[in-house]
PDB file of N, CA and C in Angstrom:
ATOM      1  N   MET A   1       7.664  39.718 159.848  1.00  0.00           N
ATOM      2  CA  MET A   1       8.035  40.411 161.056  1.00  0.00           C
ATOM      3  C   MET A   1       9.009  39.516 161.826  1.00  0.00           C
ATOM      4  N   LEU A   2      10.100  40.104 162.251  1.00  0.00           N
ATOM      5  CA  LEU A   2      11.089  39.353 163.009  1.00  0.00           C
ATOM      6  C   LEU A   2      10.612  39.130 164.432  1.00  0.00           C
ATOM      7  N   MET A   3      11.081  38.059 165.030  1.00  0.00           N
ATOM      8  CA  MET A   3      10.695  37.752 166.403  1.00  0.00           C
ATOM      9  C   MET A   3      11.134  38.890 167.327  1.00  0.00           C
ATOM     10  N   GLY A   4      10.242  39.322 168.182  1.00  0.00           N
ATOM     11  CA  GLY A   4      10.542  40.408 169.103  1.00  0.00           C
ATOM     12  C   GLY A   4      10.324  41.793 168.524  1.00  0.00           C
ATOM     13  N   GLN A   5       9.926  41.856 167.265  1.00  0.00           N
ATOM     14  CA  GLN A   5       9.709  43.137 166.600  1.00  0.00           C
ATOM     15  C   GLN A   5       8.248  43.545 166.757  1.00  0.00           C
ATOM     16  N   THR A   6       8.009  44.804 167.101  1.00  0.00           N
ATOM     17  CA  THR A   6       6.636  45.282 167.216  1.00  0.00           C
ATOM     18  C   THR A   6       6.059  45.527 165.831  1.00  0.00           C
ATOM     19  N   VAL A   7       4.739  45.614 165.757  1.00  0.00           N
ATOM     20  CA  VAL A   7       4.071  45.927 164.494  1.00  0.00           C
ATOM     21  C   VAL A   7       4.556  47.282 163.983  1.00  0.00           C
ATOM     22  N   GLU A   8       4.650  48.251 164.891  1.00  0.00           N
ATOM     23  CA  GLU A   8       5.072  49.598 164.499  1.00  0.00           C
ATOM     24  C   GLU A   8       6.497  49.597 163.950  1.00  0.00           C
ATOM     25  N   GLU A   9       7.373  48.814 164.563  1.00  0.00           N
ATOM     26  CA  GLU A   9       8.753  48.726 164.072  1.00  0.00           C
ATOM     27  C   GLU A   9       8.783  48.084 162.687  1.00  0.00           C
ATOM     28  N   ALA A  10       8.051  46.994 162.519  1.00  0.00           N
ATOM     29  CA  ALA A  10       8.001  46.318 161.222  1.00  0.00           C
ATOM     30  C   ALA A  10       7.428  47.236 160.146  1.00  0.00           C
ATOM     31  N   GLU A  11       6.350  47.944 160.468  1.00  0.00           N
ATOM     32  CA  GLU A  11       5.725  48.858 159.498  1.00  0.00           C
ATOM     33  C   GLU A  11       6.659  50.006 159.132  1.00  0.00           C
ATOM     34  N   SER A  12       7.344  50.573 160.121  1.00  0.00           N
ATOM     35  CA  SER A  12       8.225  51.708 159.831  1.00  0.00           C
ATOM     36  C   SER A  12       9.458  51.262 159.047  1.00  0.00           C
ATOM     37  N   ILE A  13       9.989  50.082 159.340  1.00  0.00           N
ATOM     38  CA  ILE A  13      11.121  49.554 158.570  1.00  0.00           C
ATOM     39  C   ILE A  13      10.693  49.258 157.134  1.00  0.00           C
ATOM     40  N   ALA A  14       9.490  48.719 156.960  1.00  0.00           N
ATOM     41  CA  ALA A  14       8.966  48.469 155.613  1.00  0.00           C
ATOM     42  C   ALA A  14       8.790  49.778 154.850  1.00  0.00           C
ATOM     43  N   LEU A  15       8.367  50.823 155.544  1.00  0.00           N
ATOM     44  CA  LEU A  15       8.212  52.129 154.898  1.00  0.00           C
ATOM     45  C   LEU A  15       9.566  52.665 154.452  1.00  0.00           C
ATOM     46  N   VAL A  16      10.584  52.555 155.306  1.00  0.00           N
ATOM     47  CA  VAL A  16      11.936  52.995 154.923  1.00  0.00           C
ATOM     48  C   VAL A  16      12.390  52.237 153.681  1.00  0.00           C
ATOM     49  N   TRP A  17      12.186  50.927 153.663  1.00  0.00           N
ATOM     50  CA  TRP A  17      12.585  50.115 152.509  1.00  0.00           C
ATOM     51  C   TRP A  17      11.868  50.590 151.240  1.00  0.00           C
ATOM     52  N   SER A  18      10.572  50.840 151.353  1.00  0.00           N
ATOM     53  CA  SER A  18       9.786  51.289 150.197  1.00  0.00           C
ATOM     54  C   SER A  18      10.247  52.652 149.704  1.00  0.00           C
ATOM     55  N   LEU A  19      10.498  53.557 150.641  1.00  0.00           N
ATOM     56  CA  LEU A  19      10.961  54.894 150.265  1.00  0.00           C
ATOM     57  C   LEU A  19      12.339  54.832 149.613  1.00  0.00           C
ATOM     58  N   ARG A  20      13.202  53.956 150.106  1.00  0.00           N
ATOM     59  CA  ARG A  20      14.528  53.788 149.476  1.00  0.00           C
ATOM     60  C   ARG A  20      14.395  53.255 148.057  1.00  0.00           C
ATOM     61  N   CYS A  21      13.460  52.334 147.854  1.00  0.00           N
ATOM     62  CA  CYS A  21      13.214  51.824 146.494  1.00  0.00           C
ATOM     63  C   CYS A  21      12.770  52.955 145.579  1.00  0.00           C
ATOM     64  N   CYS A  22      11.862  53.793 146.061  1.00  0.00           N
ATOM     65  CA  CYS A  22      11.397  54.940 145.267  1.00  0.00           C
ATOM     66  C   CYS A  22      12.558  55.877 144.959  1.00  0.00           C
ATOM     67  N   GLN A  23      13.377  56.141 145.955  1.00  0.00           N
ATOM     68  CA  GLN A  23      14.525  57.029 145.770  1.00  0.00           C
ATOM     69  C   GLN A  23      15.492  56.441 144.739  1.00  0.00           C
ATOM     70  N   ARG A  24      15.807  55.161 144.875  1.00  0.00           N
ATOM     71  CA  ARG A  24      16.737  54.497 143.959  1.00  0.00           C
ATOM     72  C   ARG A  24      16.218  54.511 142.520  1.00  0.00           C
ATOM     73  N   GLU A  25      14.908  54.311 142.363  1.00  0.00           N
ATOM     74  CA  GLU A  25      14.310  54.260 141.028  1.00  0.00           C
ATOM     75  C   GLU A  25      13.872  55.637 140.532  1.00  0.00           C
ATOM     76  N   ASN A  26      14.149  56.668 141.339  1.00  0.00           N
ATOM     77  CA  ASN A  26      13.794  58.047 140.995  1.00  0.00           C
ATOM     78  C   ASN A  26      12.284  58.214 140.806  1.00  0.00           C
ATOM     79  N   ILE A  27      11.517  57.587 141.683  1.00  0.00           N
ATOM     80  CA  ILE A  27      10.056  57.686 141.662  1.00  0.00           C
ATOM     81  C   ILE A  27       9.644  58.763 142.652  1.00  0.00           C
ATOM     82  N   MET A  28       8.971  59.781 142.160  1.00  0.00           N
ATOM     83  CA  MET A  28       8.515  60.874 143.010  1.00  0.00           C
ATOM     84  C   MET A  28       7.027  60.676 143.302  1.00  0.00           C
ATOM     85  N   MET A  29       6.633  60.959 144.526  1.00  0.00           N
ATOM     86  CA  MET A  29       5.212  60.877 144.870  1.00  0.00           C
ATOM     87  C   MET A  29       4.888  61.932 145.907  1.00  0.00           C
ATOM     88  N   LYS A  30       3.692  62.474 145.811  1.00  0.00           N
ATOM     89  CA  LYS A  30       3.288  63.569 146.689  1.00  0.00           C
ATOM     90  C   LYS A  30       2.773  63.084 148.035  1.00  0.00           C
ATOM     91  N   GLU A  31       2.194  61.890 148.087  1.00  0.00           N
ATOM     92  CA  GLU A  31       1.665  61.404 149.358  1.00  0.00           C
ATOM     93  C   GLU A  31       1.771  59.893 149.456  1.00  0.00           C
ATOM     94  N   ILE A  32       1.754  59.435 150.693  1.00  0.00           N
ATOM     95  CA  ILE A  32       1.826  58.009 151.004  1.00  0.00           C
ATOM     96  C   ILE A  32       0.630  57.682 151.886  1.00  0.00           C
ATOM     97  N   GLU A  33       0.046  56.516 151.677  1.00  0.00           N
ATOM     98  CA  GLU A  33      -1.018  56.029 152.551  1.00  0.00           C
ATOM     99  C   GLU A  33      -0.502  54.798 153.277  1.00  0.00           C
ATOM    100  N   MET A  34      -0.869  54.706 154.544  1.00  0.00           N
ATOM    101  CA  MET A  34      -0.397  53.606 155.377  1.00  0.00           C
ATOM    102  C   MET A  34      -1.497  53.225 156.359  1.00  0.00           C
ATOM    103  N   ASP A  35      -1.631  51.924 156.644  1.00  0.00           N
ATOM    104  CA  ASP A  35      -2.707  51.504 157.549  1.00  0.00           C
ATOM    105  C   ASP A  35      -2.270  51.399 159.009  1.00  0.00           C
ATOM    106  N   CYS A  36      -1.050  51.783 159.326  1.00  0.00           N
ATOM    107  CA  CYS A  36      -0.574  51.767 160.715  1.00  0.00           C
ATOM    108  C   CYS A  36      -0.634  53.198 161.262  1.00  0.00           C
ATOM    109  N   LYS A  37      -1.732  53.504 161.945  1.00  0.00           N
ATOM    110  CA  LYS A  37      -1.979  54.872 162.418  1.00  0.00           C
ATOM    111  C   LYS A  37      -0.882  55.378 163.345  1.00  0.00           C
ATOM    112  N   VAL A  38      -0.341  54.512 164.174  1.00  0.00           N
ATOM    113  CA  VAL A  38       0.715  54.931 165.105  1.00  0.00           C
ATOM    114  C   VAL A  38       1.918  55.475 164.336  1.00  0.00           C
ATOM    115  N   VAL A  39       2.357  54.765 163.308  1.00  0.00           N
ATOM    116  CA  VAL A  39       3.511  55.211 162.518  1.00  0.00           C
ATOM    117  C   VAL A  39       3.174  56.490 161.761  1.00  0.00           C
ATOM    118  N   VAL A  40       1.979  56.577 161.204  1.00  0.00           N
ATOM    119  CA  VAL A  40       1.550  57.804 160.518  1.00  0.00           C
ATOM    120  C   VAL A  40       1.628  58.981 161.484  1.00  0.00           C
ATOM    121  N   ASP A  41       1.107  58.804 162.686  1.00  0.00           N
ATOM    122  CA  ASP A  41       1.133  59.883 163.687  1.00  0.00           C
ATOM    123  C   ASP A  41       2.557  60.246 164.100  1.00  0.00           C
ATOM    124  N   TRP A  42       3.429  59.248 164.236  1.00  0.00           N
ATOM    125  CA  TRP A  42       4.831  59.534 164.575  1.00  0.00           C
ATOM    126  C   TRP A  42       5.476  60.399 163.501  1.00  0.00           C
ATOM    127  N   ILE A  43       5.236  60.054 162.239  1.00  0.00           N
ATOM    128  CA  ILE A  43       5.861  60.801 161.144  1.00  0.00           C
ATOM    129  C   ILE A  43       5.260  62.195 161.038  1.00  0.00           C
ATOM    130  N   LYS A  44       3.941  62.281 161.113  1.00  0.00           N
ATOM    131  CA  LYS A  44       3.296  63.603 161.066  1.00  0.00           C
ATOM    132  C   LYS A  44       3.765  64.492 162.210  1.00  0.00           C
ATOM    133  N   GLY A  45       3.930  63.899 163.392  1.00  0.00           N
ATOM    134  CA  GLY A  45       4.341  64.654 164.571  1.00  0.00           C
ATOM    135  C   GLY A  45       5.848  64.792 164.712  1.00  0.00           C
ATOM    136  N   ARG A  46       6.597  64.251 163.728  1.00  0.00           N
ATOM    137  CA  ARG A  46       8.061  64.302 163.754  1.00  0.00           C
ATOM    138  C   ARG A  46       8.595  63.765 165.091  1.00  0.00           C
ATOM    139  N   HIS A  47       8.077  62.616 165.477  1.00  0.00           N
ATOM    140  CA  HIS A  47       8.403  61.970 166.756  1.00  0.00           C
ATOM    141  C   HIS A  47       9.796  61.326 166.657  1.00  0.00           C
ATOM    142  N   LEU A  48      10.832  62.102 166.979  1.00  0.00           N
ATOM    143  CA  LEU A  48      12.202  61.638 166.799  1.00  0.00           C
ATOM    144  C   LEU A  48      12.821  61.050 168.061  1.00  0.00           C
ATOM    145  N   SER A  49      12.133  61.177 169.179  1.00  0.00           N
ATOM    146  CA  SER A  49      12.661  60.586 170.413  1.00  0.00           C
ATOM    147  C   SER A  49      12.166  59.148 170.514  1.00  0.00           C
ATOM    148  N   GLY A  50      12.723  58.411 171.421  1.00  0.00           N
ATOM    149  CA  GLY A  50      12.282  57.036 171.605  1.00  0.00           C
ATOM    150  C   GLY A  50      13.117  56.063 170.792  1.00  0.00           C
ATOM    151  N   VAL A  51      12.813  54.803 170.974  1.00  0.00           N
ATOM    152  CA  VAL A  51      13.591  53.725 170.372  1.00  0.00           C
ATOM    153  C   VAL A  51      13.565  53.764 168.843  1.00  0.00           C
ATOM    154  N   LEU A  52      12.438  54.155 168.264  1.00  0.00           N
ATOM    155  CA  LEU A  52      12.312  54.150 166.801  1.00  0.00           C
ATOM    156  C   LEU A  52      12.484  55.537 166.182  1.00  0.00           C
ATOM    157  N   GLY A  53      12.954  56.491 166.963  1.00  0.00           N
ATOM    158  CA  GLY A  53      13.130  57.855 166.463  1.00  0.00           C
ATOM    159  C   GLY A  53      14.031  57.942 165.247  1.00  0.00           C
ATOM    160  N   HIS A  54      15.088  57.130 165.213  1.00  0.00           N
ATOM    161  CA  HIS A  54      15.998  57.151 164.061  1.00  0.00           C
ATOM    162  C   HIS A  54      15.309  56.645 162.790  1.00  0.00           C
ATOM    163  N   ILE A  55      14.375  55.716 162.946  1.00  0.00           N
ATOM    164  CA  ILE A  55      13.641  55.206 161.781  1.00  0.00           C
ATOM    165  C   ILE A  55      12.668  56.271 161.279  1.00  0.00           C
ATOM    166  N   VAL A  56      12.002  56.957 162.195  1.00  0.00           N
ATOM    167  CA  VAL A  56      11.102  58.055 161.814  1.00  0.00           C
ATOM    168  C   VAL A  56      11.903  59.132 161.084  1.00  0.00           C
ATOM    169  N   GLU A  57      13.082  59.441 161.594  1.00  0.00           N
ATOM    170  CA  GLU A  57      13.935  60.444 160.944  1.00  0.00           C
ATOM    171  C   GLU A  57      14.330  59.992 159.537  1.00  0.00           C
ATOM    172  N   ASN A  58      14.669  58.716 159.373  1.00  0.00           N
ATOM    173  CA  ASN A  58      14.963  58.182 158.037  1.00  0.00           C
ATOM    174  C   ASN A  58      13.771  58.361 157.109  1.00  0.00           C
ATOM    175  N   CYS A  59      12.572  58.047 157.605  1.00  0.00           N
ATOM    176  CA  CYS A  59      11.357  58.207 156.798  1.00  0.00           C
ATOM    177  C   CYS A  59      11.195  59.657 156.353  1.00  0.00           C
ATOM    178  N   LEU A  60      11.342  60.575 157.285  1.00  0.00           N
ATOM    179  CA  LEU A  60      11.181  61.998 156.964  1.00  0.00           C
ATOM    180  C   LEU A  60      12.198  62.446 155.916  1.00  0.00           C
ATOM    181  N   ASN A  61      13.453  62.048 156.068  1.00  0.00           N
ATOM    182  CA  ASN A  61      14.490  62.424 155.101  1.00  0.00           C
ATOM    183  C   ASN A  61      14.232  61.811 153.729  1.00  0.00           C
ATOM    184  N   LEU A  62      13.833  60.559 153.714  1.00  0.00           N
ATOM    185  CA  LEU A  62      13.543  59.894 152.443  1.00  0.00           C
ATOM    186  C   LEU A  62      12.312  60.494 151.771  1.00  0.00           C
ATOM    187  N   MET A  63      11.306  60.865 152.561  1.00  0.00           N
ATOM    188  CA  MET A  63      10.118  61.506 151.988  1.00  0.00           C
ATOM    189  C   MET A  63      10.507  62.804 151.287  1.00  0.00           C
ATOM    190  N   VAL A  64      11.380  63.589 151.898  1.00  0.00           N
ATOM    191  CA  VAL A  64      11.852  64.831 151.272  1.00  0.00           C
ATOM    192  C   VAL A  64      12.558  64.512 149.957  1.00  0.00           C
ATOM    193  N   SER A  65      13.357  63.457 149.939  1.00  0.00           N
ATOM    194  CA  SER A  65      14.140  63.122 148.744  1.00  0.00           C
ATOM    195  C   SER A  65      13.277  62.702 147.555  1.00  0.00           C
ATOM    196  N   ILE A  66      12.038  62.269 147.811  1.00  0.00           N
ATOM    197  CA  ILE A  66      11.145  61.889 146.697  1.00  0.00           C
ATOM    198  C   ILE A  66       9.980  62.878 146.557  1.00  0.00           C
ATOM    199  N   ASP A  67      10.151  64.067 147.142  1.00  0.00           N
ATOM    200  CA  ASP A  67       9.148  65.144 147.068  1.00  0.00           C
ATOM    201  C   ASP A  67       7.805  64.774 147.679  1.00  0.00           C
ATOM    202  N   CYS A  68       7.822  63.936 148.687  1.00  0.00           N
ATOM    203  CA  CYS A  68       6.587  63.505 149.341  1.00  0.00           C
ATOM    204  C   CYS A  68       6.226  64.488 150.446  1.00  0.00           C
ATOM    205  N   ASP A  69       5.048  65.082 150.335  1.00  0.00           N
ATOM    206  CA  ASP A  69       4.593  66.106 151.279  1.00  0.00           C
ATOM    207  C   ASP A  69       3.754  65.562 152.424  1.00  0.00           C
ATOM    208  N   ALA A  70       3.134  64.402 152.231  1.00  0.00           N
ATOM    209  CA  ALA A  70       2.143  63.964 153.216  1.00  0.00           C
ATOM    210  C   ALA A  70       2.149  62.453 153.377  1.00  0.00           C
ATOM    211  N   ILE A  71       1.815  62.051 154.589  1.00  0.00           N
ATOM    212  CA  ILE A  71       1.550  60.646 154.871  1.00  0.00           C
ATOM    213  C   ILE A  71       0.159  60.599 155.488  1.00  0.00           C
ATOM    214  N   LEU A  72      -0.683  59.727 154.960  1.00  0.00           N
ATOM    215  CA  LEU A  72      -2.078  59.652 155.380  1.00  0.00           C
ATOM    216  C   LEU A  72      -2.387  58.268 155.934  1.00  0.00           C
ATOM    217  N   HIS A  73      -3.308  58.229 156.879  1.00  0.00           N
ATOM    218  CA  HIS A  73      -3.769  56.948 157.409  1.00  0.00           C
ATOM    219  C   HIS A  73      -4.945  56.463 156.572  1.00  0.00           C
ATOM    220  N   CYS A  74      -4.959  55.176 156.283  1.00  0.00           N
ATOM    221  CA  CYS A  74      -6.112  54.561 155.627  1.00  0.00           C
ATOM    222  C   CYS A  74      -6.369  53.228 156.318  1.00  0.00           C
ATOM    223  N   SER A  75      -7.586  52.752 156.216  1.00  0.00           N
ATOM    224  CA  SER A  75      -7.933  51.489 156.877  1.00  0.00           C
ATOM    225  C   SER A  75      -7.298  50.310 156.149  1.00  0.00           C
ATOM    226  N   ARG A  76      -7.175  49.199 156.827  1.00  0.00           N
ATOM    227  CA  ARG A  76      -6.628  47.982 156.226  1.00  0.00           C
ATOM    228  C   ARG A  76      -7.458  47.579 155.009  1.00  0.00           C
ATOM    229  N   GLU A  77      -8.786  47.752 155.100  1.00  0.00           N
ATOM    230  CA  GLU A  77      -9.664  47.389 153.982  1.00  0.00           C
ATOM    231  C   GLU A  77      -9.362  48.227 152.745  1.00  0.00           C
ATOM    232  N   CYS A  78      -9.062  49.495 152.942  1.00  0.00           N
ATOM    233  CA  CYS A  78      -8.738  50.383 151.816  1.00  0.00           C
ATOM    234  C   CYS A  78      -7.332  50.133 151.303  1.00  0.00           C
ATOM    235  N   ASN A  79      -6.560  49.398 152.054  1.00  0.00           N
ATOM    236  CA  ASN A  79      -5.162  49.169 151.719  1.00  0.00           C
ATOM    237  C   ASN A  79      -4.910  47.689 151.432  1.00  0.00           C
ATOM    238  N   GLU A  80      -5.915  47.009 150.902  1.00  0.00           N
ATOM    239  CA  GLU A  80      -5.843  45.561 150.706  1.00  0.00           C
ATOM    240  C   GLU A  80      -4.694  45.151 149.788  1.00  0.00           C
ATOM    241  N   VAL A  81      -4.485  45.898 148.708  1.00  0.00           N
ATOM    242  CA  VAL A  81      -3.417  45.549 147.769  1.00  0.00           C
ATOM    243  C   VAL A  81      -2.057  45.654 148.451  1.00  0.00           C
ATOM    244  N   ALA A  82      -1.831  46.749 149.163  1.00  0.00           N
ATOM    245  CA  ALA A  82      -0.543  46.926 149.844  1.00  0.00           C
ATOM    246  C   ALA A  82      -0.323  45.834 150.887  1.00  0.00           C
ATOM    247  N   HIS A  83      -1.374  45.475 151.599  1.00  0.00           N
ATOM    248  CA  HIS A  83      -1.259  44.428 152.617  1.00  0.00           C
ATOM    249  C   HIS A  83      -0.897  43.090 151.968  1.00  0.00           C
ATOM    250  N   LEU A  84      -1.556  42.765 150.872  1.00  0.00           N
ATOM    251  CA  LEU A  84      -1.271  41.515 150.172  1.00  0.00           C
ATOM    252  C   LEU A  84       0.153  41.523 149.608  1.00  0.00           C
ATOM    253  N   LEU A  85       0.561  42.652 149.039  1.00  0.00           N
ATOM    254  CA  LEU A  85       1.922  42.764 148.513  1.00  0.00           C
ATOM    255  C   LEU A  85       2.960  42.569 149.619  1.00  0.00           C
ATOM    256  N   ALA A  86       2.724  43.186 150.761  1.00  0.00           N
ATOM    257  CA  ALA A  86       3.667  43.069 151.877  1.00  0.00           C
ATOM    258  C   ALA A  86       3.774  41.622 152.347  1.00  0.00           C
ATOM    259  N   LYS A  87       2.635  40.944 152.459  1.00  0.00           N
ATOM    260  CA  LYS A  87       2.652  39.542 152.883  1.00  0.00           C
ATOM    261  C   LYS A  87       3.420  38.685 151.884  1.00  0.00           C
ATOM    262  N   LYS A  88       3.168  38.925 150.606  1.00  0.00           N
ATOM    263  CA  LYS A  88       3.809  38.144 149.555  1.00  0.00           C
ATOM    264  C   LYS A  88       5.310  38.441 149.489  1.00  0.00           C
ATOM    265  N   ALA A  89       5.675  39.707 149.649  1.00  0.00           N
ATOM    266  CA  ALA A  89       7.071  40.126 149.497  1.00  0.00           C
ATOM    267  C   ALA A  89       7.971  39.653 150.627  1.00  0.00           C
ATOM    268  N   LYS A  90       7.385  39.343 151.781  1.00  0.00           N
ATOM    269  CA  LYS A  90       8.200  38.935 152.929  1.00  0.00           C
ATOM    270  C   LYS A  90       9.117  37.760 152.601  1.00  0.00           C
ATOM    271  N   GLY A  91       8.658  36.858 151.778  1.00  0.00           N
ATOM    272  CA  GLY A  91       9.452  35.674 151.472  1.00  0.00           C
ATOM    273  C   GLY A  91      10.199  35.741 150.154  1.00  0.00           C
ATOM    274  N   MET A  92      10.283  36.928 149.547  1.00  0.00           N
ATOM    275  CA  MET A  92      10.924  37.056 148.238  1.00  0.00           C
ATOM    276  C   MET A  92      12.192  37.902 148.327  1.00  0.00           C
ATOM    277  N   SER A  93      13.087  37.695 147.385  1.00  0.00           N
ATOM    278  CA  SER A  93      14.264  38.560 147.302  1.00  0.00           C
ATOM    279  C   SER A  93      13.824  39.908 146.731  1.00  0.00           C
ATOM    280  N   GLU A  94      14.644  40.931 146.930  1.00  0.00           N
ATOM    281  CA  GLU A  94      14.290  42.272 146.452  1.00  0.00           C
ATOM    282  C   GLU A  94      14.092  42.283 144.940  1.00  0.00           C
ATOM    283  N   GLU A  95      14.918  41.541 144.216  1.00  0.00           N
ATOM    284  CA  GLU A  95      14.802  41.507 142.754  1.00  0.00           C
ATOM    285  C   GLU A  95      13.474  40.894 142.311  1.00  0.00           C
ATOM    286  N   ALA A  96      13.000  39.908 143.048  1.00  0.00           N
ATOM    287  CA  ALA A  96      11.747  39.240 142.692  1.00  0.00           C
ATOM    288  C   ALA A  96      10.537  40.114 142.965  1.00  0.00           C
ATOM    289  N   VAL A  97      10.697  41.146 143.789  1.00  0.00           N
ATOM    290  CA  VAL A  97       9.583  42.016 144.151  1.00  0.00           C
ATOM    291  C   VAL A  97       9.430  43.166 143.158  1.00  0.00           C
ATOM    292  N   ALA A  98      10.431  43.403 142.328  1.00  0.00           N
ATOM    293  CA  ALA A  98      10.388  44.515 141.366  1.00  0.00           C
ATOM    294  C   ALA A  98       9.693  44.046 140.091  1.00  0.00           C
ATOM    295  N   TRP A  99       8.391  44.343 139.980  1.00  0.00           N
ATOM    296  CA  TRP A  99       7.620  43.945 138.815  1.00  0.00           C
ATOM    297  C   TRP A  99       7.518  45.116 137.848  1.00  0.00           C
ATOM    298  N   PHE A 100       7.597  44.833 136.556  1.00  0.00           N
ATOM    299  CA  PHE A 100       7.550  45.885 135.553  1.00  0.00           C
ATOM    300  C   PHE A 100       6.134  46.349 135.263  1.00  0.00           C
ATOM    301  N   ASP A 101       5.199  45.453 135.325  1.00  0.00           N
ATOM    302  CA  ASP A 101       3.797  45.811 135.131  1.00  0.00           C
ATOM    303  C   ASP A 101       2.934  44.706 135.740  1.00  0.00           C
ATOM    304  N   LEU A 102       1.649  44.896 135.647  1.00  0.00           N
ATOM    305  CA  LEU A 102       0.701  43.978 136.272  1.00  0.00           C
ATOM    306  C   LEU A 102       0.899  42.530 135.822  1.00  0.00           C
ATOM    307  N   SER A 103       1.246  42.320 134.564  1.00  0.00           N
ATOM    308  CA  SER A 103       1.360  40.954 134.045  1.00  0.00           C
ATOM    309  C   SER A 103       2.506  40.166 134.680  1.00  0.00           C
ATOM    310  N   HIS A 104       3.466  40.841 135.284  1.00  0.00           N
ATOM    311  CA  HIS A 104       4.587  40.164 135.934  1.00  0.00           C
ATOM    312  C   HIS A 104       4.302  39.813 137.398  1.00  0.00           C
ATOM    313  N   MET A 105       3.185  40.289 137.922  1.00  0.00           N
ATOM    314  CA  MET A 105       2.849  40.049 139.326  1.00  0.00           C
ATOM    315  C   MET A 105       2.181  38.691 139.494  1.00  0.00           C
ATOM    316  N   PRO A 106       2.281  38.122 140.689  1.00  0.00           N
ATOM    317  CA  PRO A 106       1.565  36.866 140.951  1.00  0.00           C
ATOM    318  C   PRO A 106       0.058  37.035 140.717  1.00  0.00           C
ATOM    319  N   ASN A 107      -0.600  35.965 140.293  1.00  0.00           N
ATOM    320  CA  ASN A 107      -2.021  36.022 139.926  1.00  0.00           C
ATOM    321  C   ASN A 107      -2.924  36.538 141.036  1.00  0.00           C
ATOM    322  N   ASP A 108      -2.681  36.117 142.281  1.00  0.00           N
ATOM    323  CA  ASP A 108      -3.561  36.562 143.364  1.00  0.00           C
ATOM    324  C   ASP A 108      -3.475  38.075 143.561  1.00  0.00           C
ATOM    325  N   ILE A 109      -2.302  38.644 143.366  1.00  0.00           N
ATOM    326  CA  ILE A 109      -2.151  40.096 143.488  1.00  0.00           C
ATOM    327  C   ILE A 109      -2.819  40.799 142.309  1.00  0.00           C
ATOM    328  N   GLN A 110      -2.662  40.245 141.105  1.00  0.00           N
ATOM    329  CA  GLN A 110      -3.329  40.818 139.929  1.00  0.00           C
ATOM    330  C   GLN A 110      -4.834  40.908 140.155  1.00  0.00           C
ATOM    331  N   LEU A 111      -5.416  39.836 140.685  1.00  0.00           N
ATOM    332  CA  LEU A 111      -6.868  39.803 140.894  1.00  0.00           C
ATOM    333  C   LEU A 111      -7.323  40.871 141.888  1.00  0.00           C
ATOM    334  N   VAL A 112      -6.570  41.058 142.972  1.00  0.00           N
ATOM    335  CA  VAL A 112      -6.941  42.070 143.967  1.00  0.00           C
ATOM    336  C   VAL A 112      -6.825  43.468 143.368  1.00  0.00           C
ATOM    337  N   ILE A 113      -5.783  43.715 142.594  1.00  0.00           N
ATOM    338  CA  ILE A 113      -5.613  45.031 141.959  1.00  0.00           C
ATOM    339  C   ILE A 113      -6.756  45.303 140.987  1.00  0.00           C
ATOM    340  N   ILE A 114      -7.081  44.335 140.161  1.00  0.00           N
ATOM    341  CA  ILE A 114      -8.177  44.504 139.194  1.00  0.00           C
ATOM    342  C   ILE A 114      -9.490  44.765 139.924  1.00  0.00           C
ATOM    343  N   LYS A 115      -9.742  44.010 140.991  1.00  0.00           N
ATOM    344  CA  LYS A 115     -10.963  44.207 141.789  1.00  0.00           C
ATOM    345  C   LYS A 115     -11.006  45.622 142.366  1.00  0.00           C
ATOM    346  N   GLU A 116      -9.874  46.092 142.895  1.00  0.00           N
ATOM    347  CA  GLU A 116      -9.830  47.420 143.497  1.00  0.00           C
ATOM    348  C   GLU A 116     -10.032  48.517 142.446  1.00  0.00           C
ATOM    349  N   VAL A 117      -9.424  48.356 141.291  1.00  0.00           N
ATOM    350  CA  VAL A 117      -9.589  49.348 140.221  1.00  0.00           C
ATOM    351  C   VAL A 117     -11.043  49.394 139.770  1.00  0.00           C
ATOM    352  N   ARG A 118     -11.645  48.241 139.579  1.00  0.00           N
ATOM    353  CA  ARG A 118     -13.057  48.201 139.158  1.00  0.00           C
ATOM    354  C   ARG A 118     -13.965  48.853 140.195  1.00  0.00           C
ATOM    355  N   SER A 119     -13.720  48.585 141.475  1.00  0.00           N
ATOM    356  CA  SER A 119     -14.577  49.171 142.512  1.00  0.00           C
ATOM    357  C   SER A 119     -14.369  50.675 142.613  1.00  0.00           C
ATOM    358  N   SER A 120     -13.167  51.156 142.325  1.00  0.00           N
ATOM    359  CA  SER A 120     -12.942  52.605 142.385  1.00  0.00           C
ATOM    360  C   SER A 120     -13.680  53.312 141.252  1.00  0.00           C
ATOM    361  N   PHE A 121     -13.838  52.649 140.099  1.00  0.00           N
ATOM    362  CA  PHE A 121     -14.608  53.246 139.009  1.00  0.00           C
ATOM    363  C   PHE A 121     -16.099  53.249 139.325  1.00  0.00           C
ATOM    364  N   LYS A 122     -16.573  52.206 140.022  1.00  0.00           N
ATOM    365  CA  LYS A 122     -17.985  52.154 140.411  1.00  0.00           C
ATOM    366  C   LYS A 122     -18.304  53.238 141.431  1.00  0.00           C
ATOM    367  N   ASP A 123     -17.373  53.446 142.393  1.00  0.00           N
ATOM    368  CA  ASP A 123     -17.585  54.426 143.461  1.00  0.00           C
ATOM    369  C   ASP A 123     -17.366  55.854 142.979  1.00  0.00           C
ATOM    370  N   GLY A 124     -16.511  56.036 141.976  1.00  0.00           N
ATOM    371  CA  GLY A 124     -16.137  57.385 141.529  1.00  0.00           C
ATOM    372  C   GLY A 124     -16.949  57.810 140.413  1.00  0.00           C
TER     373      GLY A 124
END
């Protein structure tokens, strides 16, 4: 997060970056989960006024371009992998963040993903 940047601004800019990556790689997805409820509510409510209205508009346009119908709020605990990825990616170049599969990811991220997958099978 840049100095003077709000959490909501950082989260919405990160979402735009992620959606652009999906668009560039031609990755289509029906829904997005995010742990920043304020940004989720702005996008759901099409909140285009205000200082970050242009970023919300970018999100909405990019979501349409990848056939994304919904954005959902989830807790930080349910979004542990995404949170860890975001923390790790902050200090990396864009090329270094594009992993082909799990084996190319840093070990700490691999472990969290494996843990989450195992727990989802236990719960489901």
